Amino acid sequence: MTVLDVRENLHPIEDGGIIIHRQQDISDAFLSNLHSERMASAHLREAEYMHVADVPAAVFDLWHALGYDPWRMEAREIIRLLERDHLDAFIATSKAV
């Protein structure tokens, strides 16, 4: 499993609040690897573990802020949300989940 670092910067604003700027760089190589995995998955026999998707931290945080609980979501719901948000590149399987 590859964990992509998330950088966080705090920016004070005039009213005394803080803006939190989070950034996560996702390389073309990472996306290319996911695409290759997705294409190869059609020919693989799954065992106990099936790699379904890699959800970026920013997306995970957004879902959480919108009231979803990504830790408890079924794999098919994660796929549905990624497709809904046009984030298909983060899906790691072509199989039905």
N, C-alpha and C. Protein backbone atom coordinates (compact mmCIF):
# COMPACT_ATOMS: atom_id res chain seq x y z
N MET A 1 0.85 -1.17 0.00
CA MET A 1 0.00 0.00 0.00
C MET A 1 0.89 1.23 0.00
N THR A 2 0.52 2.20 -0.78
CA THR A 2 1.26 3.45 -0.85
C THR A 2 0.45 4.54 -0.17
N VAL A 3 1.08 5.24 0.75
CA VAL A 3 0.42 6.37 1.40
C VAL A 3 1.04 7.64 0.85
N LEU A 4 0.20 8.49 0.30
CA LEU A 4 0.67 9.75 -0.26
C LEU A 4 0.55 10.82 0.81
N ASP A 5 1.65 11.48 1.09
CA ASP A 5 1.67 12.49 2.14
C ASP A 5 0.73 13.65 1.83
N VAL A 6 0.13 14.15 2.89
CA VAL A 6 -0.71 15.34 2.80
C VAL A 6 0.01 16.44 3.57
N ARG A 7 0.23 17.55 2.88
CA ARG A 7 0.86 18.70 3.54
C ARG A 7 -0.25 19.64 4.00
N GLU A 8 -0.04 20.17 5.18
CA GLU A 8 -1.05 21.07 5.76
C GLU A 8 -0.37 22.37 6.18
N ASN A 9 -0.93 23.49 5.73
CA ASN A 9 -0.42 24.80 6.11
C ASN A 9 -1.55 25.60 6.76
N LEU A 10 -1.22 26.31 7.81
CA LEU A 10 -2.19 27.14 8.51
C LEU A 10 -1.93 28.60 8.15
N HIS A 11 -3.00 29.30 7.79
CA HIS A 11 -2.89 30.71 7.40
C HIS A 11 -3.84 31.53 8.27
N PRO A 12 -3.27 32.39 9.17
CA PRO A 12 -4.16 33.23 9.97
C PRO A 12 -4.88 34.26 9.10
N ILE A 13 -6.10 34.57 9.48
CA ILE A 13 -6.86 35.60 8.77
C ILE A 13 -7.19 36.73 9.73
N GLU A 14 -7.60 37.87 9.19
CA GLU A 14 -7.78 39.10 9.96
C GLU A 14 -8.73 38.97 11.14
N ASP A 15 -9.79 38.19 11.02
CA ASP A 15 -10.77 38.11 12.11
C ASP A 15 -10.34 37.18 13.24
N GLY A 16 -9.11 36.70 13.17
CA GLY A 16 -8.59 35.83 14.21
C GLY A 16 -8.73 34.35 13.90
N GLY A 17 -9.40 34.04 12.82
CA GLY A 17 -9.57 32.64 12.42
C GLY A 17 -8.35 32.11 11.70
N ILE A 18 -8.46 30.90 11.27
CA ILE A 18 -7.36 30.24 10.55
C ILE A 18 -7.93 29.53 9.33
N ILE A 19 -7.23 29.64 8.24
CA ILE A 19 -7.56 28.87 7.04
C ILE A 19 -6.57 27.71 6.99
N ILE A 20 -7.11 26.52 6.84
CA ILE A 20 -6.26 25.33 6.74
C ILE A 20 -6.18 24.95 5.26
N HIS A 21 -4.97 24.97 4.72
CA HIS A 21 -4.74 24.60 3.33
C HIS A 21 -4.07 23.23 3.31
N ARG A 22 -4.77 22.25 2.73
CA ARG A 22 -4.24 20.89 2.64
C ARG A 22 -3.94 20.58 1.19
N GLN A 23 -2.81 19.93 0.97
CA GLN A 23 -2.40 19.60 -0.39
C GLN A 23 -1.86 18.18 -0.43
N GLN A 24 -2.28 17.45 -1.45
CA GLN A 24 -1.80 16.09 -1.65
C GLN A 24 -1.44 15.95 -3.13
N ASP A 25 -0.18 15.68 -3.40
CA ASP A 25 0.26 15.51 -4.78
C ASP A 25 0.06 14.06 -5.19
N ILE A 26 -0.62 13.88 -6.31
CA ILE A 26 -0.87 12.54 -6.84
C ILE A 26 -0.21 12.48 -8.21
N SER A 27 0.78 11.63 -8.33
CA SER A 27 1.58 11.59 -9.56
C SER A 27 0.87 10.85 -10.68
N ASP A 28 1.30 11.14 -11.89
CA ASP A 28 0.79 10.42 -13.06
C ASP A 28 1.14 8.94 -12.96
N ALA A 29 2.31 8.63 -12.40
CA ALA A 29 2.72 7.23 -12.24
C ALA A 29 1.77 6.49 -11.30
N PHE A 30 1.34 7.14 -10.24
CA PHE A 30 0.39 6.54 -9.31
C PHE A 30 -0.94 6.24 -10.02
N LEU A 31 -1.44 7.21 -10.78
CA LEU A 31 -2.69 7.02 -11.52
C LEU A 31 -2.54 5.97 -12.61
N SER A 32 -1.40 5.95 -13.25
CA SER A 32 -1.13 4.95 -14.30
C SER A 32 -1.12 3.54 -13.70
N ASN A 33 -0.54 3.41 -12.52
CA ASN A 33 -0.50 2.11 -11.83
C ASN A 33 -1.92 1.66 -11.49
N LEU A 34 -2.76 2.57 -11.00
CA LEU A 34 -4.15 2.23 -10.70
C LEU A 34 -4.90 1.79 -11.96
N HIS A 35 -4.65 2.50 -13.07
CA HIS A 35 -5.28 2.14 -14.33
C HIS A 35 -4.86 0.73 -14.76
N SER A 36 -3.57 0.43 -14.64
CA SER A 36 -3.07 -0.91 -14.99
C SER A 36 -3.70 -1.97 -14.11
N GLU A 37 -3.82 -1.67 -12.82
CA GLU A 37 -4.47 -2.60 -11.88
C GLU A 37 -5.92 -2.86 -12.28
N ARG A 38 -6.61 -1.77 -12.63
CA ARG A 38 -8.02 -1.88 -13.02
C ARG A 38 -8.17 -2.76 -14.25
N MET A 39 -7.30 -2.57 -15.25
CA MET A 39 -7.38 -3.36 -16.48
C MET A 39 -7.03 -4.82 -16.21
N ALA A 40 -6.05 -5.08 -15.36
CA ALA A 40 -5.62 -6.45 -15.06
C ALA A 40 -6.62 -7.18 -14.17
N SER A 41 -7.42 -6.44 -13.42
CA SER A 41 -8.32 -7.07 -12.45
C SER A 41 -9.35 -7.99 -13.11
N ALA A 42 -9.68 -7.73 -14.35
CA ALA A 42 -10.67 -8.56 -15.04
C ALA A 42 -10.19 -10.00 -15.19
N HIS A 43 -8.87 -10.19 -15.19
CA HIS A 43 -8.30 -11.52 -15.41
C HIS A 43 -7.77 -12.15 -14.13
N LEU A 44 -7.96 -11.49 -13.00
CA LEU A 44 -7.46 -12.02 -11.73
C LEU A 44 -8.56 -12.71 -10.95
N ARG A 45 -8.19 -13.77 -10.27
CA ARG A 45 -9.11 -14.42 -9.36
C ARG A 45 -8.86 -13.85 -7.97
N GLU A 46 -9.88 -13.25 -7.41
CA GLU A 46 -9.73 -12.60 -6.11
C GLU A 46 -9.72 -13.63 -4.99
N ALA A 47 -8.95 -13.33 -3.97
CA ALA A 47 -8.91 -14.18 -2.77
C ALA A 47 -9.74 -13.49 -1.69
N GLU A 48 -9.20 -13.39 -0.50
CA GLU A 48 -9.94 -12.75 0.59
C GLU A 48 -9.93 -11.23 0.49
N TYR A 49 -8.95 -10.69 -0.17
CA TYR A 49 -8.78 -9.24 -0.26
C TYR A 49 -8.90 -8.81 -1.71
N MET A 50 -9.67 -7.78 -1.95
CA MET A 50 -9.81 -7.23 -3.29
C MET A 50 -9.55 -5.72 -3.22
N HIS A 51 -8.56 -5.26 -3.96
CA HIS A 51 -8.24 -3.84 -3.99
C HIS A 51 -9.30 -3.15 -4.84
N VAL A 52 -10.10 -2.31 -4.22
CA VAL A 52 -11.24 -1.67 -4.89
C VAL A 52 -10.90 -0.26 -5.35
N ALA A 53 -10.26 0.53 -4.49
CA ALA A 53 -9.99 1.93 -4.83
C ALA A 53 -8.95 2.51 -3.89
N ASP A 54 -8.36 3.60 -4.33
CA ASP A 54 -7.49 4.44 -3.48
C ASP A 54 -8.15 5.80 -3.43
N VAL A 55 -8.68 6.14 -2.27
CA VAL A 55 -9.40 7.40 -2.11
C VAL A 55 -8.43 8.46 -1.58
N PRO A 56 -8.24 9.57 -2.31
CA PRO A 56 -7.35 10.62 -1.83
C PRO A 56 -7.86 11.21 -0.51
N ALA A 57 -6.94 11.68 0.31
CA ALA A 57 -7.29 12.24 1.62
C ALA A 57 -8.27 13.40 1.48
N ALA A 58 -8.10 14.23 0.48
CA ALA A 58 -9.00 15.38 0.30
C ALA A 58 -10.43 14.91 0.05
N VAL A 59 -10.58 13.86 -0.73
CA VAL A 59 -11.91 13.32 -1.02
C VAL A 59 -12.49 12.68 0.23
N PHE A 60 -11.66 11.92 0.94
CA PHE A 60 -12.07 11.29 2.19
C PHE A 60 -12.59 12.35 3.17
N ASP A 61 -11.82 13.43 3.32
CA ASP A 61 -12.21 14.51 4.24
C ASP A 61 -13.49 15.20 3.80
N LEU A 62 -13.65 15.40 2.49
CA LEU A 62 -14.87 16.03 1.98
C LEU A 62 -16.08 15.15 2.26
N TRP A 63 -15.96 13.87 1.99
CA TRP A 63 -17.08 12.96 2.27
C TRP A 63 -17.45 12.99 3.74
N HIS A 64 -16.43 12.99 4.58
CA HIS A 64 -16.67 13.03 6.03
C HIS A 64 -17.40 14.32 6.40
N ALA A 65 -16.98 15.45 5.86
CA ALA A 65 -17.62 16.74 6.14
C ALA A 65 -19.06 16.77 5.64
N LEU A 66 -19.36 15.99 4.60
CA LEU A 66 -20.72 15.94 4.05
C LEU A 66 -21.62 14.94 4.79
N GLY A 67 -21.07 14.32 5.83
CA GLY A 67 -21.88 13.42 6.65
C GLY A 67 -21.70 11.94 6.36
N TYR A 68 -20.85 11.59 5.40
CA TYR A 68 -20.57 10.18 5.15
C TYR A 68 -19.55 9.69 6.16
N ASP A 69 -19.53 8.41 6.41
CA ASP A 69 -18.51 7.81 7.27
C ASP A 69 -17.68 6.86 6.41
N PRO A 70 -16.63 7.37 5.76
CA PRO A 70 -15.86 6.54 4.83
C PRO A 70 -15.29 5.27 5.45
N TRP A 71 -15.04 5.28 6.75
CA TRP A 71 -14.51 4.09 7.42
C TRP A 71 -15.52 2.95 7.44
N ARG A 72 -16.80 3.27 7.42
CA ARG A 72 -17.84 2.25 7.53
C ARG A 72 -18.61 2.01 6.23
N MET A 73 -18.22 2.69 5.17
CA MET A 73 -18.92 2.55 3.89
C MET A 73 -18.60 1.21 3.24
N GLU A 74 -19.60 0.65 2.57
CA GLU A 74 -19.40 -0.55 1.77
C GLU A 74 -18.58 -0.17 0.53
N ALA A 75 -17.84 -1.12 0.00
CA ALA A 75 -17.01 -0.88 -1.17
C ALA A 75 -17.84 -0.35 -2.33
N ARG A 76 -19.05 -0.90 -2.53
CA ARG A 76 -19.88 -0.46 -3.67
C ARG A 76 -20.30 1.00 -3.51
N GLU A 77 -20.45 1.47 -2.26
CA GLU A 77 -20.81 2.87 -2.04
C GLU A 77 -19.62 3.78 -2.35
N ILE A 78 -18.43 3.34 -2.01
CA ILE A 78 -17.22 4.10 -2.33
C ILE A 78 -17.09 4.23 -3.85
N ILE A 79 -17.29 3.13 -4.56
CA ILE A 79 -17.22 3.15 -6.03
C ILE A 79 -18.28 4.09 -6.59
N ARG A 80 -19.50 4.01 -6.07
CA ARG A 80 -20.59 4.86 -6.55
C ARG A 80 -20.26 6.34 -6.37
N LEU A 81 -19.71 6.69 -5.19
CA LEU A 81 -19.36 8.09 -4.94
C LEU A 81 -18.21 8.56 -5.83
N LEU A 82 -17.21 7.72 -6.03
CA LEU A 82 -16.11 8.09 -6.91
C LEU A 82 -16.61 8.31 -8.34
N GLU A 83 -17.49 7.43 -8.81
CA GLU A 83 -18.05 7.61 -10.16
C GLU A 83 -18.92 8.86 -10.23
N ARG A 84 -19.73 9.09 -9.20
CA ARG A 84 -20.59 10.28 -9.18
C ARG A 84 -19.78 11.56 -9.28
N ASP A 85 -18.63 11.58 -8.59
CA ASP A 85 -17.79 12.77 -8.54
C ASP A 85 -16.75 12.80 -9.67
N HIS A 86 -16.88 11.89 -10.64
CA HIS A 86 -15.98 11.81 -11.79
C HIS A 86 -14.52 11.58 -11.36
N LEU A 87 -14.36 10.72 -10.36
CA LEU A 87 -13.03 10.38 -9.86
C LEU A 87 -12.72 8.91 -10.14
N ASP A 88 -13.16 8.45 -11.29
CA ASP A 88 -12.98 7.05 -11.70
C ASP A 88 -11.52 6.61 -11.72
N ALA A 89 -10.61 7.54 -11.90
CA ALA A 89 -9.18 7.21 -11.96
C ALA A 89 -8.69 6.56 -10.67
N PHE A 90 -9.43 6.73 -9.57
CA PHE A 90 -9.01 6.17 -8.29
C PHE A 90 -9.61 4.80 -8.03
N ILE A 91 -10.38 4.28 -8.98
CA ILE A 91 -10.95 2.94 -8.85
C ILE A 91 -9.93 1.92 -9.35
N ALA A 92 -9.70 0.87 -8.55
CA ALA A 92 -8.63 -0.08 -8.84
C ALA A 92 -9.13 -1.42 -9.39
N THR A 93 -10.41 -1.54 -9.67
CA THR A 93 -10.94 -2.80 -10.20
C THR A 93 -11.99 -2.53 -11.26
N SER A 94 -12.07 -3.44 -12.21
CA SER A 94 -13.12 -3.33 -13.23
C SER A 94 -14.25 -4.31 -12.90
N LYS A 95 -14.11 -5.05 -11.83
CA LYS A 95 -15.13 -6.02 -11.44
C LYS A 95 -16.28 -5.35 -10.72
N ALA A 96 -17.43 -5.99 -10.78
CA ALA A 96 -18.58 -5.50 -10.01
C ALA A 96 -18.28 -5.72 -8.54
N VAL A 97 -18.63 -4.75 -7.73
CA VAL A 97 -18.36 -4.84 -6.29
C VAL A 97 -19.67 -4.96 -5.57
